[in-house]
Every structure is written in C-alpha cells, then in structure tokens.
C-alpha cells in the first residue's frame, strides 16, 4: 500500500508528485491512494483504480495525518497486516505517524525527497540531511561575523534577526546549505563571555554583545557601520538584510530577483500589521503572552492594567528597542478584537472598556493563544485583501520565524483550520477571504447583562 499526500505541494506541481507516485506503484506492484485537498481533486485526473482521501481545503496538517491514519493505515493493518505501507508527505505530523502505530507494523513514512525518478527510494539530498545534524563544526568566520553584527546593533537582536544578518554575510552558513544551527554558534560564545543570551532556554532569545567583548579585534573592522543610536531604534521593524540582486554582465540573476520580490512582499505584509498597530512582534510575542499568563494567575488585575503591566515588564526586562506604549497598543487592539480574558464570573473583558476596570481577570478562554494568533492572521488578510494560497509559506515565516519551515507552516495550518471551523475564513479563487463577522469577535464562557457603558462597546452579533 502506497499513500501519496500531495496536500503540501505547490499549485501546479501536484501532477509531478502524482507521476512519481505512479512510478513507485509500477516499481513495487503495490496498490495506492492519493491524499488531496478538495480543490486539487477538481484539478487532477486520478485513475479509478487508485484510491483517494479528500480533505477540506483548510484542513490542518494534524487533521490530514488523522485522516490518513483512520482511512488508510489502520484498515490496512487490520485487513492485511503483512502488507507493507509507504506514505510520502511534506507534513511533519504525517511523517511522524509511524511512531504512533502499534508494535510490529510494516509502515514507513517518508519525506517526498526520498522518492526519485523511476519510483526508486534513496537518501534525501544533503541539504535535507543537514537539518537533522546537531553537531556541525562552527567556522571561525561565524564567530567573527556575530561579533561584528552585534557591534552594529548595541541594543541587541532577536536570534531570528541575527540569523538573517549572518546568512546575508555568509550564505554557506544557512541551514539549507548545511550550516550549523545558530544556537550552536552562540552558546560557546556565551560560555566564553562574549555575548549574552537571554533567556537562554527561550526559542527566540535576545542576543547582545557584552561590554568586555565590544573592543575585541575582528576581521575587516573598517567595514563596520557606526552603532545606531537608541533613539533611532524602530518602533517595530522586521529585520531583513538589505541585499542587492546578484548581477552578472549587467543582468540580474532570476533567482535573486525572485528572492527580492518575496522579501519585498514579506515586508509589505509586515508593514500592514505594524501600521494598523496589530503586531506582529514575531520575535517577542511569546514573551508578552507568557507574562500575561503569569499576571492572570495572580487574579488581581483588570484587563487594562494586566496588559499594561505585561507590556512594560517585557520591554524593560528584555531591553527591547521599541517603546512599551507601542506594545500596549498592539495588545489592547488584539485582546479587544478577541476577548479571551475572563473575570471570576466567566465574563469576557476588553482592555478598552472602562467598565471592565473594576473586574479582576482570573482566567482565560481555552486555547487563547491560538485564538489571538488566528485573529492576527485574519486581520492581515482583511487589510491586505489579496493573500494567495501560494503565499502561505511567507505568511508562516512572518508570524513564526523562530520555527523551522515545516513547523511554521503546520502552525499556520492549525490557525486557518480554527478560522474555518468558526466560519471566519475561506479560500475564494485561492485568495484568503475573511467573513464580515470577523471584526470584534468576542468569545466568552458566560456573559453578564451589560452595563450602560458596556452596551456602548458591545460587539455585533456573529
């Protein structure tokens, strides 16, 4: 039994994977099934002898994995326990399915990179293998580059931004090129007292040059730009290295032009959120949420006070290069759009509602972080109005740069699945469309009769 999951394939490339799947069927003499979105079923011709598993267009990677397990793997294990099973997918939850199956199964889940022309299996390309290598030698130029970059940013950088600057200087240090993980570069430097990494266990810590290493000699010091003054620090800027397209004989290389287009589009999406005071604060959002969760547990702060305290504490503790008032405005907008903070009676409270100031927040709605980040995605779709399905990888990087590509994409899949379950968003002609009822969505376990002031701020019915 061979199962081909093509849901993650880019538009107009699905046929290539179906062709590889048929080659594998011929090579092994097995039967098979194709897992696809509903929209893909309408665009592809699948022979009747091949089974199909069709999922909703907004199904998350975890829902796709569950469908494969329930509709293909378990029935095969029950009815033909000796039949080998191969599953090809791009989704991590699908690739990890084999670890969840009963002992003695004959199923293996593989990344598509294992399947080659002619239906032959082989090891994935070197760049895929390198991602699983934890101990890659760190070249000295990496340490030198980190010191130079941090000397140009005296307030420090998030690890995501630092990685972008590092790869811009030395492309061979990129993960896709077999370079070492950024933390394997930074932690030895931290142990030597050259840099600070705070907090070191965080997925996206803040990196700063310590005073004792600021005067260290580095290679090519004459190329270093003067440190930026703290007053010039942006309010909320996405750190993207400014690189020009590579030029050969006066002609820009096509791949570099395409990369620049993607970078400009990514910055455009980021700016949409920033101009509307809706984030994204991708490097620091989890820290804000962690502090909010801590303050909620104290059960003595109103929604307004709680968010203000969280914004100030995280900005000051992490010495972030933007004012806490900007963070406060973002949190107020986000927690007003989706009211996940609840008082002791279970009433959802908005930080913008003065009447809520008398009610301490005692708990939150379940999965509140998912709901808030979903609202950020929907707000961006509303403002931009033309987010195409093929741009979802860019969207995933914008919101979750601290995750690797597949984990970020899976996280975005999950948020879109929540939106679909609430009838808040759908794809129309492959463009993400948000329903009109999404504005000021309020989620509450229990709603008390509103006061006169609350009635002025009541949200429209969904």
Foldseek 3Di string as FASTA:
>chain_A
DEEEECAPPFPPCSVVSVVLVVLQCVVVVDAEEYEYEPVVVVVDDDDPSHHYHYDHNLFFLLNSLVSCCVVPVVVCCVPPQPDAYEYEDQFPSNQCVVVVDDPPGRYHYYYPQQGDPSSHGDDGDPLVVLLPDADDDADPVLLLQLLLVQLQEQLFDKLLLSVQSSCVVPVCLDSSNSHHDSLVSVPVCVVVVQWDWPPNVDLITTIHGDPVNSPPDGPPPVVRDHHDDLVPQDQAADRHDDDDFDDDPNDGDPVSVVVVVLVVVLRVLQVLCLVVLQDDVQRCPVQLVVQLQVQLQVQPFFPQRSSLVSLVVSCVVRVDSHDSVSVSSNSQQLCQLEQFFAFPVFAGDHSVQPVRRVTGTNDTDPPVVLVSVLLSVQSSCVRVVFAFQSCLLSVLCSNHVSDPSSVSSSSVSVSSVVCVVVVQWDADVRRIDGDPLSGRDYDTPDHDDDDPSVVVVDGDDD
